[in-house]
Every structure is written in C-alpha cells, then in structure tokens.
Amino acid sequence: MKPLRIALYQGPAGVPSSTADSLAALAAAARRAADGGARLLLTNELYLSGYAVGSRFGELAEPADGPGAEAVSRIAAEHDLAIGYGYPERDGDTVFNSFQLFGPDGSRLANYRKAHVFGDYENAHFTPGRELVVQADLDGVRLGLLICYDVEFPEAVRAHALAGTQLLLVPTALVRPFEIVPQTIVPARAWESQLYIAYVNRCGVEGEFPFAGLSCLAAPDGTVRARAGAGEDLVLAEADPALLASSRALNTYLSDRRPELYGALR
C-alpha cells in the first residue's frame, strides 16, 4: 500500500469576514494541495466560521449537510481531493464543534463532534459530542477524527488505536503558551498508541486568542515528519502504512496491554 500524501493547511490568519471568504481560501489551498500530489487536505478547528466569533456561533452554525458542506463537497470533487474541515454544526437547537470529512468524489465520509470541550469559552457555546471513535477509509488507510483538546487525553487516542485507526486527524485552535502540545504531547501520543497524527492549528491572532501554529504530522516512531511555523502555511507530508506496520511490530504497546488491570481508570 503506497503512502498517503497529506496537506496541512494552517491558515488563513485572522477571523474570516464571512464563510464565503473561508471557502475561497479553501479552494485556493485545495488547488495547491492537489498540485503538490496530496490526496487529503486538512484545515483547522472551526475553519469555516473562525474561532473568535463568540455569540455569533449560533447564527453561523450550519447542519452537517448545509451550504458550507455543499461548497466543500464541490471543492473536493473539483480537485479529486479528500477534505476535512472544522465548522460549528447545528442540529436543531444544539450547536456542536464539529469536523467533517469529504472524499475525493465529494461524498461525505464522516462527521465528528468534539467530545472534550475546552474551557469556559467553548462550554458557553458548544455541547459536547457523545461518540468518541468516528472513522473513515481513504485509499486503504483507516482515518480517525478528533478535535483539539481531545488529543490531550491519552484514552481518546488509545481508543482510536484499538479500533484500528492508522492516521488520526486532529484540527485544533491551540493558543500560546501551550506549544508543548504540538512539540511534545502529539508526538508522544503517536508513539504510545502507534499511529500517525495530523495536527492542524490556526495561526495569527483572533480577538483575545494568540494561536500557536506549529501544525505537524507526527509518526508512530515518535518523529515529526513535517512542521509548520507560526504563520500561514501549507505543509505536505506522507503517512506510510509500511512504516506504521514495522513500528507496531517493534513497539508492541497495543498487544502488551493488560486491560484486566485497568479497571480503576473508569
């Protein structure tokens, strides 16, 4: 099985003036990603709306099959490129912090609602999701979806590894001074649960939020295969199933578990 080439889109900086602006930037990024040979383009947390919109989340939220989703589907099909993007999702009167994935043909592959909602700001605007392991397949690679704070819980990442996830997609809106997450925690999660993690952050300053950037692809051998800086960037990298298989054979954390001893973790 050949490596899956991924584009991590860290940008654009600042609060978008409209969803249309976010979609236009996404279309431009998709063109660049496709020209670079990528099969999967990932954006950051709440990409369509922006993060620092506060009370406007309610009006900007859309259903999973809303106009934003239809536009992303068209962009994916136009460039023969799978696209994962963050957005505020409306389901009746409830708003979720969500991440949706479309395939290269424009079909919906998965939709995930953030389970670990972070801090007073997010809890004021979003309801936590109740399904932790959401997966999809692309070119023979099993993808898993989490969002931002979720990846900081080892239990969440391990649950994905045990369910067969090979590449974990994690859009985020991480602020300074928590650079320890992309620099240390994300590579450690990839190592301890033996999978790839694509971690895609926002950049620049939005209102009171100074985002850290540093999007990366962490590999199961603990290395970082690609890293963005602090500003807007499009980073290309590959997740290689062969490396994953050899790493899992060498580092047998998953097969050496003794779950009968872990009851106190519940």
C-alpha atoms as a PDB file:
ATOM      1  CA  MET A   1       0.000   0.000   0.000  1.00  0.00           C
ATOM      2  CA  LYS A   2       1.502   3.326  -1.023  1.00  0.00           C
ATOM      3  CA  PRO A   3       1.914   6.277   1.369  1.00  0.00           C
ATOM      4  CA  LEU A   4      -0.978   8.717   1.715  1.00  0.00           C
ATOM      5  CA  ARG A   5       0.119  12.254   0.866  1.00  0.00           C
ATOM      6  CA  ILE A   6      -1.477  14.874   3.138  1.00  0.00           C
ATOM      7  CA  ALA A   7      -1.669  18.667   3.032  1.00  0.00           C
ATOM      8  CA  LEU A   8      -1.991  20.528   6.347  1.00  0.00           C
ATOM      9  CA  TYR A   9      -3.482  23.991   5.770  1.00  0.00           C
ATOM     10  CA  GLN A  10      -2.548  26.342   8.617  1.00  0.00           C
ATOM     11  CA  GLY A  11      -4.462  29.463   7.726  1.00  0.00           C
ATOM     12  CA  PRO A  12      -5.616  31.917   6.835  1.00  0.00           C
ATOM     13  CA  ALA A  13      -4.721  34.117   9.808  1.00  0.00           C
ATOM     14  CA  GLY A  14      -7.391  36.207  11.493  1.00  0.00           C
ATOM     15  CA  VAL A  15     -11.166  35.941  11.825  1.00  0.00           C
ATOM     16  CA  PRO A  16     -12.749  35.421   8.381  1.00  0.00           C
ATOM     17  CA  SER A  17     -15.107  38.202   7.353  1.00  0.00           C
ATOM     18  CA  SER A  18     -17.526  35.559   6.049  1.00  0.00           C
ATOM     19  CA  THR A  19     -17.913  31.856   5.396  1.00  0.00           C
ATOM     20  CA  ALA A  20     -17.528  32.719   1.715  1.00  0.00           C
ATOM     21  CA  ASP A  21     -14.027  34.036   2.410  1.00  0.00           C
ATOM     22  CA  SER A  22     -13.124  30.814   4.233  1.00  0.00           C
ATOM     23  CA  LEU A  23     -14.389  28.775   1.297  1.00  0.00           C
ATOM     24  CA  ALA A  24     -12.450  30.865  -1.210  1.00  0.00           C
ATOM     25  CA  ALA A  25      -9.241  30.346   0.785  1.00  0.00           C
ATOM     26  CA  LEU A  26     -10.028  26.630   0.990  1.00  0.00           C
ATOM     27  CA  ALA A  27     -10.466  26.399  -2.781  1.00  0.00           C
ATOM     28  CA  ALA A  28      -7.079  28.059  -3.294  1.00  0.00           C
ATOM     29  CA  ALA A  29      -5.455  25.706  -0.761  1.00  0.00           C
ATOM     30  CA  ALA A  30      -7.095  22.709  -2.439  1.00  0.00           C
ATOM     31  CA  ARG A  31      -5.609  23.723  -5.780  1.00  0.00           C
ATOM     32  CA  ARG A  32      -2.136  23.975  -4.249  1.00  0.00           C
ATOM     33  CA  ALA A  33      -2.546  20.697  -2.380  1.00  0.00           C
ATOM     34  CA  ALA A  34      -3.676  18.843  -5.484  1.00  0.00           C
ATOM     35  CA  ASP A  35      -0.804  20.319  -7.500  1.00  0.00           C
ATOM     36  CA  GLY A  36       1.518  19.000  -4.780  1.00  0.00           C
ATOM     37  CA  GLY A  37       0.155  15.478  -5.173  1.00  0.00           C
ATOM     38  CA  ALA A  38      -1.906  15.409  -1.969  1.00  0.00           C
ATOM     39  CA  ARG A  39      -4.900  13.112  -1.617  1.00  0.00           C
ATOM     40  CA  LEU A  40      -6.133  14.679   1.631  1.00  0.00           C
ATOM     41  CA  LEU A  41      -6.353  18.345   2.682  1.00  0.00           C
ATOM     42  CA  LEU A  42      -6.943  19.189   6.336  1.00  0.00           C
ATOM     43  CA  THR A  43      -7.970  22.513   7.870  1.00  0.00           C
ATOM     44  CA  ASN A  44      -8.080  23.718  11.460  1.00  0.00           C
ATOM     45  CA  GLU A  45     -10.740  23.767  14.162  1.00  0.00           C
ATOM     46  CA  LEU A  46     -13.826  25.862  13.329  1.00  0.00           C
ATOM     47  CA  TYR A  47     -12.273  26.735   9.987  1.00  0.00           C
ATOM     48  CA  LEU A  48     -15.459  27.940   8.280  1.00  0.00           C
ATOM     49  CA  SER A  49     -16.584  30.372  10.972  1.00  0.00           C
ATOM     50  CA  GLY A  50     -13.374  31.404  12.707  1.00  0.00           C
ATOM     51  CA  TYR A  51     -12.785  30.761  16.402  1.00  0.00           C
ATOM     52  CA  ALA A  52     -13.121  34.224  17.975  1.00  0.00           C
ATOM     53  CA  VAL A  53     -16.716  34.870  16.949  1.00  0.00           C
ATOM     54  CA  GLY A  54     -18.275  34.290  20.389  1.00  0.00           C
ATOM     55  CA  SER A  55     -22.027  34.810  20.408  1.00  0.00           C
ATOM     56  CA  ARG A  56     -22.150  34.548  16.601  1.00  0.00           C
ATOM     57  CA  PHE A  57     -21.549  30.798  16.672  1.00  0.00           C
ATOM     58  CA  GLY A  58     -25.306  30.286  16.894  1.00  0.00           C
ATOM     59  CA  GLU A  59     -26.022  32.219  13.709  1.00  0.00           C
ATOM     60  CA  LEU A  60     -23.007  30.832  11.835  1.00  0.00           C
ATOM     61  CA  ALA A  61     -23.712  27.200  12.712  1.00  0.00           C
ATOM     62  CA  GLU A  62     -24.966  25.020   9.860  1.00  0.00           C
ATOM     63  CA  PRO A  63     -26.352  21.483   9.589  1.00  0.00           C
ATOM     64  CA  ALA A  64     -23.887  18.805   8.511  1.00  0.00           C
ATOM     65  CA  ASP A  65     -25.474  18.939   5.045  1.00  0.00           C
ATOM     66  CA  GLY A  66     -25.757  22.750   4.956  1.00  0.00           C
ATOM     67  CA  PRO A  67     -24.485  25.186   2.319  1.00  0.00           C
ATOM     68  CA  GLY A  68     -20.928  25.161   3.690  1.00  0.00           C
ATOM     69  CA  ALA A  69     -20.815  21.380   3.388  1.00  0.00           C
ATOM     70  CA  GLU A  70     -22.173  21.522  -0.149  1.00  0.00           C
ATOM     71  CA  ALA A  71     -19.446  24.014  -1.114  1.00  0.00           C
ATOM     72  CA  VAL A  72     -16.677  21.883   0.440  1.00  0.00           C
ATOM     73  CA  SER A  73     -18.056  18.828  -1.360  1.00  0.00           C
ATOM     74  CA  ARG A  74     -17.812  20.646  -4.687  1.00  0.00           C
ATOM     75  CA  ILE A  75     -14.236  21.773  -3.972  1.00  0.00           C
ATOM     76  CA  ALA A  76     -13.229  18.207  -3.063  1.00  0.00           C
ATOM     77  CA  ALA A  77     -14.736  16.771  -6.254  1.00  0.00           C
ATOM     78  CA  GLU A  78     -13.263  19.503  -8.443  1.00  0.00           C
ATOM     79  CA  HIS A  79      -9.728  18.733  -7.248  1.00  0.00           C
ATOM     80  CA  ASP A  80     -10.144  14.958  -6.724  1.00  0.00           C
ATOM     81  CA  LEU A  81      -9.041  15.551  -3.157  1.00  0.00           C
ATOM     82  CA  ALA A  82     -10.449  14.483   0.209  1.00  0.00           C
ATOM     83  CA  ILE A  83     -11.040  17.481   2.507  1.00  0.00           C
ATOM     84  CA  GLY A  84     -11.518  17.625   6.272  1.00  0.00           C
ATOM     85  CA  TYR A  85     -12.682  20.922   7.753  1.00  0.00           C
ATOM     86  CA  GLY A  86     -13.834  22.322  11.086  1.00  0.00           C
ATOM     87  CA  TYR A  87     -17.167  24.122  11.475  1.00  0.00           C
ATOM     88  CA  PRO A  88     -19.904  24.919  14.017  1.00  0.00           C
ATOM     89  CA  GLU A  89     -22.656  22.350  13.454  1.00  0.00           C
ATOM     90  CA  ARG A  90     -26.320  22.996  14.184  1.00  0.00           C
ATOM     91  CA  ASP A  91     -28.593  20.068  14.991  1.00  0.00           C
ATOM     92  CA  GLY A  92     -31.961  21.510  15.957  1.00  0.00           C
ATOM     93  CA  ASP A  93     -31.350  23.859  18.884  1.00  0.00           C
ATOM     94  CA  THR A  94     -27.966  22.292  19.698  1.00  0.00           C
ATOM     95  CA  VAL A  95     -24.605  23.547  18.424  1.00  0.00           C
ATOM     96  CA  PHE A  96     -21.537  21.303  18.253  1.00  0.00           C
ATOM     97  CA  ASN A  97     -17.885  21.991  17.495  1.00  0.00           C
ATOM     98  CA  SER A  98     -17.539  19.606  14.554  1.00  0.00           C
ATOM     99  CA  PHE A  99     -15.138  18.264  11.949  1.00  0.00           C
ATOM    100  CA  GLN A 100     -16.414  16.865   8.665  1.00  0.00           C
ATOM    101  CA  LEU A 101     -14.627  14.817   6.025  1.00  0.00           C
ATOM    102  CA  PHE A 102     -15.497  14.582   2.324  1.00  0.00           C
ATOM    103  CA  GLY A 103     -13.970  12.128  -0.119  1.00  0.00           C
ATOM    104  CA  PRO A 104     -12.266  12.943  -3.432  1.00  0.00           C
ATOM    105  CA  ASP A 105     -15.576  12.343  -5.217  1.00  0.00           C
ATOM    106  CA  GLY A 106     -17.383  14.836  -2.981  1.00  0.00           C
ATOM    107  CA  SER A 107     -19.193  12.201  -0.885  1.00  0.00           C
ATOM    108  CA  ARG A 108     -19.457  12.630   2.884  1.00  0.00           C
ATOM    109  CA  LEU A 109     -17.169  10.161   4.664  1.00  0.00           C
ATOM    110  CA  ALA A 110     -17.537  11.150   8.329  1.00  0.00           C
ATOM    111  CA  ASN A 111     -18.683  13.845  10.747  1.00  0.00           C
ATOM    112  CA  TYR A 112     -17.296  14.118  14.294  1.00  0.00           C
ATOM    113  CA  ARG A 113     -18.476  16.274  17.225  1.00  0.00           C
ATOM    114  CA  LYS A 114     -15.814  17.363  19.724  1.00  0.00           C
ATOM    115  CA  ALA A 115     -16.162  15.270  22.883  1.00  0.00           C
ATOM    116  CA  HIS A 116     -13.826  17.165  25.235  1.00  0.00           C
ATOM    117  CA  VAL A 117     -14.980  20.791  25.062  1.00  0.00           C
ATOM    118  CA  PHE A 118     -12.325  23.123  26.429  1.00  0.00           C
ATOM    119  CA  GLY A 119     -12.775  25.913  28.984  1.00  0.00           C
ATOM    120  CA  ASP A 120     -15.491  28.442  29.733  1.00  0.00           C
ATOM    121  CA  TYR A 121     -15.449  29.940  26.235  1.00  0.00           C
ATOM    122  CA  GLU A 122     -16.207  26.722  24.384  1.00  0.00           C
ATOM    123  CA  ASN A 123     -18.581  25.400  27.033  1.00  0.00           C
ATOM    124  CA  ALA A 124     -20.618  28.583  26.704  1.00  0.00           C
ATOM    125  CA  HIS A 125     -21.214  27.907  23.009  1.00  0.00           C
ATOM    126  CA  PHE A 126     -20.980  24.164  22.327  1.00  0.00           C
ATOM    127  CA  THR A 127     -22.486  20.906  23.520  1.00  0.00           C
ATOM    128  CA  PRO A 128     -20.003  18.010  23.871  1.00  0.00           C
ATOM    129  CA  GLY A 129     -20.329  15.168  21.398  1.00  0.00           C
ATOM    130  CA  ARG A 130     -21.115  11.688  22.689  1.00  0.00           C
ATOM    131  CA  GLU A 131     -19.320   9.477  20.137  1.00  0.00           C
ATOM    132  CA  LEU A 132     -15.552   9.282  20.563  1.00  0.00           C
ATOM    133  CA  VAL A 133     -14.414   6.965  17.775  1.00  0.00           C
ATOM    134  CA  VAL A 134     -15.515   8.143  14.324  1.00  0.00           C
ATOM    135  CA  GLN A 135     -13.621   6.652  11.373  1.00  0.00           C
ATOM    136  CA  ALA A 136     -13.461   6.596   7.588  1.00  0.00           C
ATOM    137  CA  ASP A 137     -11.318   4.933   4.923  1.00  0.00           C
ATOM    138  CA  LEU A 138      -9.294   6.676   2.222  1.00  0.00           C
ATOM    139  CA  ASP A 139      -7.074   4.858  -0.274  1.00  0.00           C
ATOM    140  CA  GLY A 140      -6.908   1.857   2.055  1.00  0.00           C
ATOM    141  CA  VAL A 141      -5.910   3.901   5.125  1.00  0.00           C
ATOM    142  CA  ARG A 142      -8.196   3.921   8.165  1.00  0.00           C
ATOM    143  CA  LEU A 143      -8.686   7.527   9.302  1.00  0.00           C
ATOM    144  CA  GLY A 144      -9.921   8.630  12.718  1.00  0.00           C
ATOM    145  CA  LEU A 145     -11.287  12.037  13.741  1.00  0.00           C
ATOM    146  CA  LEU A 146     -10.717  14.021  16.928  1.00  0.00           C
ATOM    147  CA  ILE A 147     -10.620  17.780  17.648  1.00  0.00           C
ATOM    148  CA  CYS A 148      -8.019  19.805  19.574  1.00  0.00           C
ATOM    149  CA  TYR A 149      -8.360  19.128  23.318  1.00  0.00           C
ATOM    150  CA  ASP A 150      -9.469  15.538  22.601  1.00  0.00           C
ATOM    151  CA  VAL A 151      -5.926  14.543  21.615  1.00  0.00           C
ATOM    152  CA  GLU A 152      -4.577  15.651  25.003  1.00  0.00           C
ATOM    153  CA  PHE A 153      -6.412  12.710  26.587  1.00  0.00           C
ATOM    154  CA  PRO A 154      -4.385   9.512  26.073  1.00  0.00           C
ATOM    155  CA  GLU A 155      -7.560   7.457  26.477  1.00  0.00           C
ATOM    156  CA  ALA A 156      -9.101   9.070  23.390  1.00  0.00           C
ATOM    157  CA  VAL A 157      -6.103   8.350  21.175  1.00  0.00           C
ATOM    158  CA  ARG A 158      -5.723   4.806  22.536  1.00  0.00           C
ATOM    159  CA  ALA A 159      -9.406   4.133  21.825  1.00  0.00           C
ATOM    160  CA  HIS A 160      -8.741   5.020  18.196  1.00  0.00           C
ATOM    161  CA  ALA A 161      -5.650   2.836  18.006  1.00  0.00           C
ATOM    162  CA  LEU A 162      -7.572  -0.143  19.409  1.00  0.00           C
ATOM    163  CA  ALA A 163     -10.345   0.475  16.865  1.00  0.00           C
ATOM    164  CA  GLY A 164      -7.849   0.289  14.004  1.00  0.00           C
ATOM    165  CA  THR A 165      -7.180   3.950  13.254  1.00  0.00           C
ATOM    166  CA  GLN A 166      -3.926   4.364  11.339  1.00  0.00           C
ATOM    167  CA  LEU A 167      -3.999   8.125  10.747  1.00  0.00           C
ATOM    168  CA  LEU A 168      -5.670  10.365  13.321  1.00  0.00           C
ATOM    169  CA  LEU A 169      -6.888  13.730  12.003  1.00  0.00           C
ATOM    170  CA  VAL A 170      -6.908  16.486  14.631  1.00  0.00           C
ATOM    171  CA  PRO A 171      -7.902  20.049  13.695  1.00  0.00           C
ATOM    172  CA  THR A 172      -7.101  22.422  16.547  1.00  0.00           C
ATOM    173  CA  ALA A 173      -7.194  26.011  17.785  1.00  0.00           C
ATOM    174  CA  LEU A 174      -4.275  25.889  20.202  1.00  0.00           C
ATOM    175  CA  VAL A 175      -3.105  29.177  21.701  1.00  0.00           C
ATOM    176  CA  ARG A 176       0.238  30.259  23.112  1.00  0.00           C
ATOM    177  CA  PRO A 177       1.897  29.457  25.516  1.00  0.00           C
ATOM    178  CA  PHE A 178       0.804  25.816  25.108  1.00  0.00           C
ATOM    179  CA  GLU A 179       3.288  24.921  22.374  1.00  0.00           C
ATOM    180  CA  ILE A 180       4.102  21.823  24.441  1.00  0.00           C
ATOM    181  CA  VAL A 181       1.103  20.140  22.817  1.00  0.00           C
ATOM    182  CA  PRO A 182       2.365  20.035  19.208  1.00  0.00           C
ATOM    183  CA  GLN A 183       6.004  19.892  20.240  1.00  0.00           C
ATOM    184  CA  THR A 184       5.812  17.108  22.838  1.00  0.00           C
ATOM    185  CA  ILE A 185       2.349  15.684  23.507  1.00  0.00           C
ATOM    186  CA  VAL A 186       1.287  14.972  19.936  1.00  0.00           C
ATOM    187  CA  PRO A 187       4.489  13.075  19.024  1.00  0.00           C
ATOM    188  CA  ALA A 188       4.208  11.186  22.334  1.00  0.00           C
ATOM    189  CA  ARG A 189       0.598  10.214  21.578  1.00  0.00           C
ATOM    190  CA  ALA A 190       1.645   8.957  18.138  1.00  0.00           C
ATOM    191  CA  TRP A 191       4.419   6.872  19.741  1.00  0.00           C
ATOM    192  CA  GLU A 192       2.462   5.442  22.676  1.00  0.00           C
ATOM    193  CA  SER A 193      -0.581   4.494  20.570  1.00  0.00           C
ATOM    194  CA  GLN A 194       1.354   3.600  17.406  1.00  0.00           C
ATOM    195  CA  LEU A 195      -0.415   5.662  14.758  1.00  0.00           C
ATOM    196  CA  TYR A 196       0.071   8.808  12.702  1.00  0.00           C
ATOM    197  CA  ILE A 197      -1.391  12.087  13.950  1.00  0.00           C
ATOM    198  CA  ALA A 198      -2.065  15.032  11.647  1.00  0.00           C
ATOM    199  CA  TYR A 199      -2.460  18.064  13.919  1.00  0.00           C
ATOM    200  CA  VAL A 200      -3.611  21.245  12.128  1.00  0.00           C
ATOM    201  CA  ASN A 201      -3.693  24.525  14.041  1.00  0.00           C
ATOM    202  CA  ARG A 202      -4.919  28.062  13.468  1.00  0.00           C
ATOM    203  CA  CYS A 203      -2.389  30.888  13.224  1.00  0.00           C
ATOM    204  CA  GLY A 204      -2.139  34.594  13.974  1.00  0.00           C
ATOM    205  CA  VAL A 205      -4.270  36.494  16.484  1.00  0.00           C
ATOM    206  CA  GLU A 206      -8.070  36.430  16.592  1.00  0.00           C
ATOM    207  CA  GLY A 207      -9.500  38.714  19.227  1.00  0.00           C
ATOM    208  CA  GLU A 208      -8.095  37.528  22.559  1.00  0.00           C
ATOM    209  CA  PHE A 209      -6.676  34.314  21.080  1.00  0.00           C
ATOM    210  CA  PRO A 210      -2.979  34.217  20.001  1.00  0.00           C
ATOM    211  CA  PHE A 211      -2.751  30.941  18.098  1.00  0.00           C
ATOM    212  CA  ALA A 212       0.483  28.975  18.213  1.00  0.00           C
ATOM    213  CA  GLY A 213       0.593  27.484  14.718  1.00  0.00           C
ATOM    214  CA  LEU A 214       3.124  24.593  14.635  1.00  0.00           C
ATOM    215  CA  SER A 215       0.845  22.222  12.715  1.00  0.00           C
ATOM    216  CA  CYS A 216       2.537  18.868  12.237  1.00  0.00           C
ATOM    217  CA  LEU A 217       2.393  15.277  11.117  1.00  0.00           C
ATOM    218  CA  ALA A 218       3.702  13.017  13.895  1.00  0.00           C
ATOM    219  CA  ALA A 219       4.670   9.443  13.051  1.00  0.00           C
ATOM    220  CA  PRO A 220       4.372   6.255  15.141  1.00  0.00           C
ATOM    221  CA  ASP A 221       8.152   6.165  15.552  1.00  0.00           C
ATOM    222  CA  GLY A 222       7.905   9.415  17.537  1.00  0.00           C
ATOM    223  CA  THR A 223       9.350  11.633  14.817  1.00  0.00           C
ATOM    224  CA  VAL A 224       7.698  14.701  13.312  1.00  0.00           C
ATOM    225  CA  ARG A 225       7.620  14.266   9.538  1.00  0.00           C
ATOM    226  CA  ALA A 226       6.579  17.838   8.762  1.00  0.00           C
ATOM    227  CA  ARG A 227       6.107  21.016  10.785  1.00  0.00           C
ATOM    228  CA  ALA A 228       4.654  24.445  10.021  1.00  0.00           C
ATOM    229  CA  GLY A 229       5.915  27.623  11.617  1.00  0.00           C
ATOM    230  CA  ALA A 230       3.844  30.294  13.352  1.00  0.00           C
ATOM    231  CA  GLY A 231       2.279  31.871  10.257  1.00  0.00           C
ATOM    232  CA  GLU A 232       0.062  30.829   7.385  1.00  0.00           C
ATOM    233  CA  ASP A 233       1.392  27.719   5.681  1.00  0.00           C
ATOM    234  CA  LEU A 234       0.509  24.676   3.594  1.00  0.00           C
ATOM    235  CA  VAL A 235       2.633  21.705   4.633  1.00  0.00           C
ATOM    236  CA  LEU A 236       2.852  18.463   2.644  1.00  0.00           C
ATOM    237  CA  ALA A 237       3.804  15.142   4.233  1.00  0.00           C
ATOM    238  CA  GLU A 238       3.184  11.412   3.852  1.00  0.00           C
ATOM    239  CA  ALA A 239       1.697   8.787   6.152  1.00  0.00           C
ATOM    240  CA  ASP A 240       3.296   5.470   5.181  1.00  0.00           C
ATOM    241  CA  PRO A 241       1.369   2.301   6.146  1.00  0.00           C
ATOM    242  CA  ALA A 242       4.584   0.274   5.762  1.00  0.00           C
ATOM    243  CA  LEU A 243       6.346   2.370   8.401  1.00  0.00           C
ATOM    244  CA  LEU A 244       3.311   2.008  10.659  1.00  0.00           C
ATOM    245  CA  ALA A 245       3.367  -1.770  10.323  1.00  0.00           C
ATOM    246  CA  SER A 246       7.090  -2.010  11.086  1.00  0.00           C
ATOM    247  CA  SER A 247       6.756   0.393  14.014  1.00  0.00           C
ATOM    248  CA  ARG A 248       3.895  -1.617  15.517  1.00  0.00           C
ATOM    249  CA  ALA A 249       5.934  -4.804  15.155  1.00  0.00           C
ATOM    250  CA  LEU A 250       8.845  -3.202  17.006  1.00  0.00           C
ATOM    251  CA  ASN A 251       6.866  -1.278  19.659  1.00  0.00           C
ATOM    252  CA  THR A 252       4.244  -3.688  20.974  1.00  0.00           C
ATOM    253  CA  TYR A 253       2.304  -1.383  23.304  1.00  0.00           C
ATOM    254  CA  LEU A 254      -1.066  -2.379  21.847  1.00  0.00           C
ATOM    255  CA  SER A 255      -0.542  -6.139  22.089  1.00  0.00           C
ATOM    256  CA  ASP A 256       1.163  -5.942  25.504  1.00  0.00           C
ATOM    257  CA  ARG A 257      -1.719  -4.162  27.214  1.00  0.00           C
ATOM    258  CA  ARG A 258      -3.285  -5.805  30.294  1.00  0.00           C
ATOM    259  CA  PRO A 259      -6.785  -4.299  30.365  1.00  0.00           C
ATOM    260  CA  GLU A 260      -7.841  -6.538  33.249  1.00  0.00           C
ATOM    261  CA  LEU A 261      -5.632  -4.311  35.447  1.00  0.00           C
ATOM    262  CA  TYR A 262      -7.052  -1.015  34.240  1.00  0.00           C
ATOM    263  CA  GLY A 263     -10.497  -1.062  35.809  1.00  0.00           C
ATOM    264  CA  ALA A 264      -9.667   1.861  38.108  1.00  0.00           C
ATOM    265  CA  LEU A 265      -9.364   4.107  35.045  1.00  0.00           C
ATOM    266  CA  ARG A 266     -13.116   4.126  34.506  1.00  0.00           C
END
